[in-house]
Amino acid sequence: MFYVELVLSVAFVVLTVLGYKRNRRNMMLLGSICLVIAVSAEPFARGFHDGLTSAKQQRVQDQ
């Protein structure tokens, strides 16, 4: 997960700088979206995994 965050953070910097220099707002927007994904990907994945794990444990207990 660290490498995904690193790649998306670098993409944020590159896209934002290029978008600013070329005066392209959509490129800067894409860079900002990359940053949001980089920050929120790990907690989302962890919560999703914890939810699946607890559902499996609960299903085993019900049997």
PDB file of N, CA and C in Angstrom:
ATOM      1  N   MET A   1       0.830  -1.184   0.000  1.00  0.00           N
ATOM      2  CA  MET A   1       0.000   0.000   0.000  1.00  0.00           C
ATOM      3  C   MET A   1       0.878   1.252   0.000  1.00  0.00           C
ATOM      4  N   PHE A   2       2.069   1.126   0.573  1.00  0.00           N
ATOM      5  CA  PHE A   2       2.970   2.272   0.627  1.00  0.00           C
ATOM      6  C   PHE A   2       3.329   2.746  -0.770  1.00  0.00           C
ATOM      7  N   TYR A   3       3.576   1.814  -1.671  1.00  0.00           N
ATOM      8  CA  TYR A   3       3.982   2.189  -3.027  1.00  0.00           C
ATOM      9  C   TYR A   3       2.846   2.850  -3.799  1.00  0.00           C
ATOM     10  N   VAL A   4       1.630   2.421  -3.560  1.00  0.00           N
ATOM     11  CA  VAL A   4       0.475   3.054  -4.204  1.00  0.00           C
ATOM     12  C   VAL A   4       0.360   4.502  -3.736  1.00  0.00           C
ATOM     13  N   GLU A   5       0.500   4.720  -2.433  1.00  0.00           N
ATOM     14  CA  GLU A   5       0.448   6.077  -1.905  1.00  0.00           C
ATOM     15  C   GLU A   5       1.579   6.932  -2.463  1.00  0.00           C
ATOM     16  N   LEU A   6       2.757   6.348  -2.567  1.00  0.00           N
ATOM     17  CA  LEU A   6       3.915   7.072  -3.090  1.00  0.00           C
ATOM     18  C   LEU A   6       3.714   7.464  -4.549  1.00  0.00           C
ATOM     19  N   VAL A   7       3.241   6.528  -5.356  1.00  0.00           N
ATOM     20  CA  VAL A   7       3.020   6.803  -6.779  1.00  0.00           C
ATOM     21  C   VAL A   7       1.941   7.864  -6.965  1.00  0.00           C
ATOM     22  N   LEU A   8       0.864   7.764  -6.211  1.00  0.00           N
ATOM     23  CA  LEU A   8      -0.206   8.751  -6.342  1.00  0.00           C
ATOM     24  C   LEU A   8       0.214  10.124  -5.827  1.00  0.00           C
ATOM     25  N   SER A   9       1.064  10.157  -4.816  1.00  0.00           N
ATOM     26  CA  SER A   9       1.566  11.445  -4.328  1.00  0.00           C
ATOM     27  C   SER A   9       2.486  12.102  -5.344  1.00  0.00           C
ATOM     28  N   VAL A  10       3.330  11.307  -5.981  1.00  0.00           N
ATOM     29  CA  VAL A  10       4.204  11.841  -7.036  1.00  0.00           C
ATOM     30  C   VAL A  10       3.365  12.290  -8.224  1.00  0.00           C
ATOM     31  N   ALA A  11       2.337  11.529  -8.557  1.00  0.00           N
ATOM     32  CA  ALA A  11       1.442  11.926  -9.649  1.00  0.00           C
ATOM     33  C   ALA A  11       0.753  13.249  -9.327  1.00  0.00           C
ATOM     34  N   PHE A  12       0.383  13.451  -8.059  1.00  0.00           N
ATOM     35  CA  PHE A  12      -0.207  14.723  -7.642  1.00  0.00           C
ATOM     36  C   PHE A  12       0.741  15.881  -7.919  1.00  0.00           C
ATOM     37  N   VAL A  13       1.984  15.727  -7.511  1.00  0.00           N
ATOM     38  CA  VAL A  13       2.951  16.810  -7.690  1.00  0.00           C
ATOM     39  C   VAL A  13       3.180  17.087  -9.171  1.00  0.00           C
ATOM     40  N   VAL A  14       3.394  16.043  -9.946  1.00  0.00           N
ATOM     41  CA  VAL A  14       3.687  16.211 -11.372  1.00  0.00           C
ATOM     42  C   VAL A  14       2.497  16.818 -12.109  1.00  0.00           C
ATOM     43  N   LEU A  15       1.323  16.274 -11.883  1.00  0.00           N
ATOM     44  CA  LEU A  15       0.141  16.773 -12.594  1.00  0.00           C
ATOM     45  C   LEU A  15      -0.211  18.202 -12.192  1.00  0.00           C
ATOM     46  N   THR A  16      -0.031  18.517 -10.929  1.00  0.00           N
ATOM     47  CA  THR A  16      -0.342  19.866 -10.485  1.00  0.00           C
ATOM     48  C   THR A  16       0.640  20.881 -11.068  1.00  0.00           C
ATOM     49  N   VAL A  17       1.912  20.557 -11.063  1.00  0.00           N
ATOM     50  CA  VAL A  17       2.915  21.472 -11.620  1.00  0.00           C
ATOM     51  C   VAL A  17       2.719  21.634 -13.122  1.00  0.00           C
ATOM     52  N   LEU A  18       2.545  20.528 -13.836  1.00  0.00           N
ATOM     53  CA  LEU A  18       2.342  20.626 -15.287  1.00  0.00           C
ATOM     54  C   LEU A  18       1.045  21.357 -15.620  1.00  0.00           C
ATOM     55  N   GLY A  19       0.014  21.092 -14.867  1.00  0.00           N
ATOM     56  CA  GLY A  19      -1.259  21.771 -15.102  1.00  0.00           C
ATOM     57  C   GLY A  19      -1.167  23.261 -14.848  1.00  0.00           C
ATOM     58  N   TYR A  20      -0.388  23.646 -13.858  1.00  0.00           N
ATOM     59  CA  TYR A  20      -0.217  25.069 -13.565  1.00  0.00           C
ATOM     60  C   TYR A  20       0.595  25.763 -14.653  1.00  0.00           C
ATOM     61  N   LYS A  21       1.661  25.100 -15.098  1.00  0.00           N
ATOM     62  CA  LYS A  21       2.513  25.700 -16.129  1.00  0.00           C
ATOM     63  C   LYS A  21       1.806  25.809 -17.473  1.00  0.00           C
ATOM     64  N   ARG A  22       1.001  24.813 -17.806  1.00  0.00           N
ATOM     65  CA  ARG A  22       0.310  24.799 -19.106  1.00  0.00           C
ATOM     66  C   ARG A  22      -1.072  25.433 -19.041  1.00  0.00           C
ATOM     67  N   ASN A  23      -1.435  25.907 -17.845  1.00  0.00           N
ATOM     68  CA  ASN A  23      -2.729  26.550 -17.638  1.00  0.00           C
ATOM     69  C   ASN A  23      -3.889  25.604 -17.993  1.00  0.00           C
ATOM     70  N   ARG A  24      -3.820  24.388 -17.473  1.00  0.00           N
ATOM     71  CA  ARG A  24      -4.865  23.379 -17.691  1.00  0.00           C
ATOM     72  C   ARG A  24      -5.455  22.976 -16.348  1.00  0.00           C
ATOM     73  N   ARG A  25      -6.659  23.449 -16.115  1.00  0.00           N
ATOM     74  CA  ARG A  25      -7.302  23.189 -14.823  1.00  0.00           C
ATOM     75  C   ARG A  25      -7.670  21.725 -14.654  1.00  0.00           C
ATOM     76  N   ASN A  26      -8.025  21.059 -15.742  1.00  0.00           N
ATOM     77  CA  ASN A  26      -8.412  19.648 -15.618  1.00  0.00           C
ATOM     78  C   ASN A  26      -7.235  18.784 -15.187  1.00  0.00           C
ATOM     79  N   MET A  27      -6.038  19.125 -15.619  1.00  0.00           N
ATOM     80  CA  MET A  27      -4.858  18.367 -15.216  1.00  0.00           C
ATOM     81  C   MET A  27      -4.585  18.583 -13.722  1.00  0.00           C
ATOM     82  N   MET A  28      -4.770  19.805 -13.253  1.00  0.00           N
ATOM     83  CA  MET A  28      -4.603  20.073 -11.825  1.00  0.00           C
ATOM     84  C   MET A  28      -5.686  19.372 -11.014  1.00  0.00           C
ATOM     85  N   LEU A  29      -6.892  19.294 -11.555  1.00  0.00           N
ATOM     86  CA  LEU A  29      -7.969  18.574 -10.884  1.00  0.00           C
ATOM     87  C   LEU A  29      -7.637  17.097 -10.774  1.00  0.00           C
ATOM     88  N   LEU A  30      -7.093  16.520 -11.816  1.00  0.00           N
ATOM     89  CA  LEU A  30      -6.696  15.112 -11.781  1.00  0.00           C
ATOM     90  C   LEU A  30      -5.609  14.891 -10.734  1.00  0.00           C
ATOM     91  N   GLY A  31      -4.683  15.831 -10.623  1.00  0.00           N
ATOM     92  CA  GLY A  31      -3.658  15.732  -9.582  1.00  0.00           C
ATOM     93  C   GLY A  31      -4.266  15.768  -8.203  1.00  0.00           C
ATOM     94  N   SER A  32      -5.252  16.621  -7.993  1.00  0.00           N
ATOM     95  CA  SER A  32      -5.917  16.695  -6.691  1.00  0.00           C
ATOM     96  C   SER A  32      -6.684  15.411  -6.384  1.00  0.00           C
ATOM     97  N   ILE A  33      -7.299  14.837  -7.378  1.00  0.00           N
ATOM     98  CA  ILE A  33      -8.002  13.563  -7.186  1.00  0.00           C
ATOM     99  C   ILE A  33      -7.021  12.462  -6.820  1.00  0.00           C
ATOM    100  N   CYS A  34      -5.841  12.471  -7.438  1.00  0.00           N
ATOM    101  CA  CYS A  34      -4.803  11.496  -7.076  1.00  0.00           C
ATOM    102  C   CYS A  34      -4.407  11.641  -5.613  1.00  0.00           C
ATOM    103  N   LEU A  35      -4.317  12.872  -5.138  1.00  0.00           N
ATOM    104  CA  LEU A  35      -3.967  13.097  -3.739  1.00  0.00           C
ATOM    105  C   LEU A  35      -5.057  12.587  -2.806  1.00  0.00           C
ATOM    106  N   VAL A  36      -6.299  12.825  -3.146  1.00  0.00           N
ATOM    107  CA  VAL A  36      -7.410  12.341  -2.313  1.00  0.00           C
ATOM    108  C   VAL A  36      -7.408  10.818  -2.255  1.00  0.00           C
ATOM    109  N   ILE A  37      -7.175  10.189  -3.383  1.00  0.00           N
ATOM    110  CA  ILE A  37      -7.129   8.722  -3.408  1.00  0.00           C
ATOM    111  C   ILE A  37      -5.947   8.205  -2.605  1.00  0.00           C
ATOM    112  N   ALA A  38      -4.798   8.883  -2.712  1.00  0.00           N
ATOM    113  CA  ALA A  38      -3.614   8.451  -1.972  1.00  0.00           C
ATOM    114  C   ALA A  38      -3.845   8.514  -0.468  1.00  0.00           C
ATOM    115  N   VAL A  39      -4.561   9.527  -0.016  1.00  0.00           N
ATOM    116  CA  VAL A  39      -4.791   9.691   1.418  1.00  0.00           C
ATOM    117  C   VAL A  39      -5.867   8.739   1.929  1.00  0.00           C
ATOM    118  N   SER A  40      -6.871   8.454   1.117  1.00  0.00           N
ATOM    119  CA  SER A  40      -8.008   7.677   1.607  1.00  0.00           C
ATOM    120  C   SER A  40      -7.979   6.198   1.218  1.00  0.00           C
ATOM    121  N   ALA A  41      -7.031   5.762   0.438  1.00  0.00           N
ATOM    122  CA  ALA A  41      -7.026   4.370  -0.028  1.00  0.00           C
ATOM    123  C   ALA A  41      -6.746   3.387   1.107  1.00  0.00           C
ATOM    124  N   GLU A  42      -5.778   3.682   1.942  1.00  0.00           N
ATOM    125  CA  GLU A  42      -5.421   2.741   3.003  1.00  0.00           C
ATOM    126  C   GLU A  42      -6.525   2.563   4.041  1.00  0.00           C
ATOM    127  N   PRO A  43      -7.116   3.635   4.580  1.00  0.00           N
ATOM    128  CA  PRO A  43      -8.207   3.420   5.541  1.00  0.00           C
ATOM    129  C   PRO A  43      -9.406   2.703   4.925  1.00  0.00           C
ATOM    130  N   PHE A  44      -9.700   2.980   3.661  1.00  0.00           N
ATOM    131  CA  PHE A  44     -10.802   2.296   3.000  1.00  0.00           C
ATOM    132  C   PHE A  44     -10.516   0.809   2.874  1.00  0.00           C
ATOM    133  N   ALA A  45      -9.312   0.462   2.430  1.00  0.00           N
ATOM    134  CA  ALA A  45      -8.953  -0.950   2.265  1.00  0.00           C
ATOM    135  C   ALA A  45      -8.944  -1.670   3.609  1.00  0.00           C
ATOM    136  N   ARG A  46      -8.437  -0.999   4.638  1.00  0.00           N
ATOM    137  CA  ARG A  46      -8.397  -1.617   5.964  1.00  0.00           C
ATOM    138  C   ARG A  46      -9.815  -1.847   6.491  1.00  0.00           C
ATOM    139  N   GLY A  47     -10.688  -0.871   6.343  1.00  0.00           N
ATOM    140  CA  GLY A  47     -12.068  -1.021   6.794  1.00  0.00           C
ATOM    141  C   GLY A  47     -12.807  -2.097   6.031  1.00  0.00           C
ATOM    142  N   PHE A  48     -12.573  -2.169   4.736  1.00  0.00           N
ATOM    143  CA  PHE A  48     -13.207  -3.196   3.916  1.00  0.00           C
ATOM    144  C   PHE A  48     -12.756  -4.585   4.361  1.00  0.00           C
ATOM    145  N   HIS A  49     -11.464  -4.742   4.594  1.00  0.00           N
ATOM    146  CA  HIS A  49     -10.934  -6.031   5.038  1.00  0.00           C
ATOM    147  C   HIS A  49     -11.467  -6.394   6.418  1.00  0.00           C
ATOM    148  N   ASP A  50     -11.498  -5.443   7.332  1.00  0.00           N
ATOM    149  CA  ASP A  50     -12.029  -5.711   8.675  1.00  0.00           C
ATOM    150  C   ASP A  50     -13.502  -6.083   8.628  1.00  0.00           C
ATOM    151  N   GLY A  51     -14.257  -5.445   7.765  1.00  0.00           N
ATOM    152  CA  GLY A  51     -15.673  -5.772   7.618  1.00  0.00           C
ATOM    153  C   GLY A  51     -15.885  -7.178   7.103  1.00  0.00           C
ATOM    154  N   LEU A  52     -15.098  -7.564   6.105  1.00  0.00           N
ATOM    155  CA  LEU A  52     -15.210  -8.931   5.584  1.00  0.00           C
ATOM    156  C   LEU A  52     -14.809  -9.966   6.627  1.00  0.00           C
ATOM    157  N   THR A  53     -13.751  -9.670   7.353  1.00  0.00           N
ATOM    158  CA  THR A  53     -13.285 -10.600   8.379  1.00  0.00           C
ATOM    159  C   THR A  53     -14.321 -10.779   9.479  1.00  0.00           C
ATOM    160  N   SER A  54     -14.897  -9.683   9.935  1.00  0.00           N
ATOM    161  CA  SER A  54     -15.896  -9.799  11.003  1.00  0.00           C
ATOM    162  C   SER A  54     -17.163 -10.496  10.502  1.00  0.00           C
ATOM    163  N   ALA A  55     -17.521 -10.294   9.244  1.00  0.00           N
ATOM    164  CA  ALA A  55     -18.691 -10.979   8.695  1.00  0.00           C
ATOM    165  C   ALA A  55     -18.448 -12.485   8.617  1.00  0.00           C
ATOM    166  N   LYS A  56     -17.232 -12.870   8.239  1.00  0.00           N
ATOM    167  CA  LYS A  56     -16.902 -14.297   8.178  1.00  0.00           C
ATOM    168  C   LYS A  56     -16.934 -14.911   9.572  1.00  0.00           C
ATOM    169  N   GLN A  57     -16.380 -14.206  10.553  1.00  0.00           N
ATOM    170  CA  GLN A  57     -16.372 -14.725  11.925  1.00  0.00           C
ATOM    171  C   GLN A  57     -17.788 -14.840  12.475  1.00  0.00           C
ATOM    172  N   GLN A  58     -18.606 -13.886  12.170  1.00  0.00           N
ATOM    173  CA  GLN A  58     -19.982 -13.919  12.651  1.00  0.00           C
ATOM    174  C   GLN A  58     -20.754 -15.065  12.003  1.00  0.00           C
ATOM    175  N   ARG A  59     -20.496 -15.320  10.727  1.00  0.00           N
ATOM    176  CA  ARG A  59     -21.168 -16.409  10.025  1.00  0.00           C
ATOM    177  C   ARG A  59     -20.745 -17.751  10.608  1.00  0.00           C
ATOM    178  N   VAL A  60     -19.464 -17.887  10.985  1.00  0.00           N
ATOM    179  CA  VAL A  60     -18.978 -19.132  11.574  1.00  0.00           C
ATOM    180  C   VAL A  60     -19.617 -19.337  12.956  1.00  0.00           C
ATOM    181  N   GLN A  61     -19.771 -18.264  13.720  1.00  0.00           N
ATOM    182  CA  GLN A  61     -20.374 -18.369  15.050  1.00  0.00           C
ATOM    183  C   GLN A  61     -21.846 -18.726  14.979  1.00  0.00           C
ATOM    184  N   ASP A  62     -22.524 -18.280  13.929  1.00  0.00           N
ATOM    185  CA  ASP A  62     -23.949 -18.570  13.784  1.00  0.00           C
ATOM    186  C   ASP A  62     -24.202 -20.033  13.430  1.00  0.00           C
ATOM    187  N   GLN A  63     -23.239 -20.700  12.882  1.00  0.00           N
ATOM    188  CA  GLN A  63     -23.448 -22.101  12.460  1.00  0.00           C
ATOM    189  C   GLN A  63     -23.328 -23.004  13.597  1.00  0.00           C
TER     190      GLN A  63
END
